[in-house]
Amino acid sequence: MRRISDKAYYERRARTEIRKANMTSDPSAKRVHLALAANYLNHVRSMEADAEQGGDLEMA
């Protein structure tokens, strides 16, 4: 159950960083916020892949 709250946390952080990027006019800051959002989303995808892999092992 902890994985679900972790996933929600990272998704929320990514949305926050995207919102910050949309609110700034500084191109450097925009790139940083979008890079952070991408990292958070990659982490979520990695967690989903780990969960799928764990599910596959349990069925075997």
N, C-alpha and C. Protein backbone atom coordinates (compact mmCIF):
# COMPACT_ATOMS: atom_id res chain seq x y z
N MET A 1 0.82 -1.20 0.00
CA MET A 1 0.00 0.00 0.00
C MET A 1 0.87 1.26 0.00
N ARG A 2 2.04 1.16 0.53
CA ARG A 2 2.95 2.30 0.56
C ARG A 2 3.32 2.76 -0.84
N ARG A 3 3.43 1.82 -1.78
CA ARG A 3 3.81 2.16 -3.15
C ARG A 3 2.80 3.12 -3.78
N ILE A 4 1.54 2.96 -3.48
CA ILE A 4 0.51 3.81 -4.07
C ILE A 4 0.69 5.25 -3.60
N SER A 5 0.94 5.44 -2.32
CA SER A 5 1.11 6.80 -1.82
C SER A 5 2.41 7.40 -2.36
N ASP A 6 3.46 6.58 -2.53
CA ASP A 6 4.70 7.07 -3.13
C ASP A 6 4.45 7.53 -4.56
N LYS A 7 3.69 6.73 -5.30
CA LYS A 7 3.37 7.07 -6.69
C LYS A 7 2.60 8.39 -6.75
N ALA A 8 1.62 8.53 -5.88
CA ALA A 8 0.83 9.77 -5.85
C ALA A 8 1.71 10.96 -5.51
N TYR A 9 2.65 10.77 -4.59
CA TYR A 9 3.56 11.85 -4.20
C TYR A 9 4.36 12.33 -5.42
N TYR A 10 4.96 11.39 -6.15
CA TYR A 10 5.79 11.78 -7.29
C TYR A 10 4.96 12.38 -8.42
N GLU A 11 3.76 11.88 -8.62
CA GLU A 11 2.88 12.47 -9.64
C GLU A 11 2.51 13.90 -9.25
N ARG A 12 2.23 14.12 -7.97
CA ARG A 12 1.88 15.46 -7.50
C ARG A 12 3.07 16.41 -7.65
N ARG A 13 4.28 15.92 -7.32
CA ARG A 13 5.48 16.76 -7.47
C ARG A 13 5.70 17.12 -8.94
N ALA A 14 5.47 16.19 -9.85
CA ALA A 14 5.64 16.46 -11.28
C ALA A 14 4.65 17.52 -11.74
N ARG A 15 3.39 17.39 -11.32
CA ARG A 15 2.38 18.40 -11.70
C ARG A 15 2.76 19.77 -11.15
N THR A 16 3.30 19.82 -9.94
CA THR A 16 3.71 21.09 -9.34
C THR A 16 4.83 21.72 -10.15
N GLU A 17 5.81 20.92 -10.55
CA GLU A 17 6.93 21.45 -11.33
C GLU A 17 6.46 21.94 -12.70
N ILE A 18 5.53 21.24 -13.32
CA ILE A 18 4.99 21.68 -14.61
C ILE A 18 4.25 23.00 -14.43
N ARG A 19 3.50 23.12 -13.36
CA ARG A 19 2.78 24.36 -13.07
C ARG A 19 3.78 25.51 -12.87
N LYS A 20 4.87 25.26 -12.15
CA LYS A 20 5.89 26.29 -11.94
C LYS A 20 6.51 26.71 -13.27
N ALA A 21 6.77 25.72 -14.15
CA ALA A 21 7.37 26.02 -15.45
C ALA A 21 6.44 26.90 -16.28
N ASN A 22 5.14 26.65 -16.19
CA ASN A 22 4.18 27.45 -16.95
C ASN A 22 4.04 28.86 -16.40
N MET A 23 4.36 29.05 -15.13
CA MET A 23 4.19 30.37 -14.52
C MET A 23 5.42 31.27 -14.65
N THR A 24 6.56 30.71 -15.00
CA THR A 24 7.78 31.51 -15.08
C THR A 24 8.05 31.96 -16.51
N SER A 25 8.71 33.09 -16.63
CA SER A 25 9.07 33.59 -17.96
C SER A 25 10.57 33.39 -18.23
N ASP A 26 11.32 32.96 -17.22
CA ASP A 26 12.75 32.73 -17.35
C ASP A 26 12.99 31.38 -18.03
N PRO A 27 13.63 31.38 -19.21
CA PRO A 27 13.83 30.13 -19.94
C PRO A 27 14.67 29.10 -19.17
N SER A 28 15.66 29.57 -18.42
CA SER A 28 16.49 28.64 -17.65
C SER A 28 15.68 27.97 -16.55
N ALA A 29 14.90 28.76 -15.84
CA ALA A 29 14.06 28.21 -14.77
C ALA A 29 13.03 27.25 -15.34
N LYS A 30 12.49 27.59 -16.51
CA LYS A 30 11.49 26.73 -17.15
C LYS A 30 12.10 25.37 -17.46
N ARG A 31 13.33 25.37 -18.01
CA ARG A 31 14.01 24.11 -18.32
C ARG A 31 14.25 23.28 -17.07
N VAL A 32 14.65 23.95 -15.99
CA VAL A 32 14.91 23.24 -14.73
C VAL A 32 13.63 22.60 -14.21
N HIS A 33 12.54 23.35 -14.20
CA HIS A 33 11.27 22.81 -13.70
C HIS A 33 10.79 21.64 -14.56
N LEU A 34 10.94 21.76 -15.87
CA LEU A 34 10.51 20.67 -16.75
C LEU A 34 11.41 19.45 -16.60
N ALA A 35 12.70 19.67 -16.36
CA ALA A 35 13.61 18.54 -16.13
C ALA A 35 13.26 17.82 -14.83
N LEU A 36 12.95 18.59 -13.80
CA LEU A 36 12.54 17.98 -12.53
C LEU A 36 11.24 17.19 -12.71
N ALA A 37 10.30 17.75 -13.44
CA ALA A 37 9.04 17.05 -13.69
C ALA A 37 9.30 15.74 -14.44
N ALA A 38 10.19 15.79 -15.42
CA ALA A 38 10.51 14.58 -16.18
C ALA A 38 11.14 13.52 -15.28
N ASN A 39 12.01 13.95 -14.36
CA ASN A 39 12.62 13.00 -13.43
C ASN A 39 11.57 12.36 -12.54
N TYR A 40 10.64 13.16 -12.04
CA TYR A 40 9.58 12.61 -11.19
C TYR A 40 8.73 11.60 -11.97
N LEU A 41 8.39 11.94 -13.22
CA LEU A 41 7.57 11.04 -14.03
C LEU A 41 8.33 9.76 -14.39
N ASN A 42 9.63 9.87 -14.62
CA ASN A 42 10.44 8.68 -14.88
C ASN A 42 10.46 7.77 -13.66
N HIS A 43 10.52 8.39 -12.49
CA HIS A 43 10.50 7.62 -11.25
C HIS A 43 9.17 6.87 -11.11
N VAL A 44 8.08 7.53 -11.45
CA VAL A 44 6.76 6.88 -11.40
C VAL A 44 6.72 5.70 -12.36
N ARG A 45 7.23 5.89 -13.58
CA ARG A 45 7.23 4.80 -14.56
C ARG A 45 8.08 3.62 -14.07
N SER A 46 9.21 3.94 -13.45
CA SER A 46 10.07 2.90 -12.91
C SER A 46 9.37 2.13 -11.80
N MET A 47 8.63 2.84 -10.95
CA MET A 47 7.88 2.18 -9.88
C MET A 47 6.80 1.28 -10.46
N GLU A 48 6.13 1.74 -11.51
CA GLU A 48 5.09 0.93 -12.16
C GLU A 48 5.70 -0.32 -12.79
N ALA A 49 6.86 -0.18 -13.41
CA ALA A 49 7.53 -1.33 -14.02
C ALA A 49 7.95 -2.33 -12.95
N ASP A 50 8.45 -1.84 -11.83
CA ASP A 50 8.83 -2.72 -10.73
C ASP A 50 7.61 -3.46 -10.19
N ALA A 51 6.49 -2.77 -10.09
CA ALA A 51 5.27 -3.40 -9.58
C ALA A 51 4.79 -4.48 -10.54
N GLU A 52 4.86 -4.20 -11.85
CA GLU A 52 4.46 -5.20 -12.84
C GLU A 52 5.39 -6.41 -12.79
N GLN A 53 6.67 -6.15 -12.66
CA GLN A 53 7.65 -7.22 -12.60
C GLN A 53 7.43 -8.07 -11.36
N GLY A 54 7.12 -7.44 -10.25
CA GLY A 54 6.83 -8.17 -9.02
C GLY A 54 5.59 -9.02 -9.17
N GLY A 55 4.59 -8.51 -9.86
CA GLY A 55 3.36 -9.26 -10.10
C GLY A 55 3.61 -10.46 -11.00
N ASP A 56 4.49 -10.29 -11.98
CA ASP A 56 4.82 -11.40 -12.89
C ASP A 56 5.55 -12.51 -12.14
N LEU A 57 6.40 -12.15 -11.20
CA LEU A 57 7.14 -13.15 -10.44
C LEU A 57 6.22 -13.93 -9.51
N GLU A 58 5.20 -13.25 -8.97
CA GLU A 58 4.28 -13.93 -8.07
C GLU A 58 3.44 -14.95 -8.81
N MET A 59 3.12 -14.69 -10.08
CA MET A 59 2.29 -15.60 -10.86
C MET A 59 3.09 -16.82 -11.32
N ALA A 60 4.40 -16.69 -11.43
CA ALA A 60 5.23 -17.79 -11.95
C ALA A 60 5.39 -18.91 -10.95
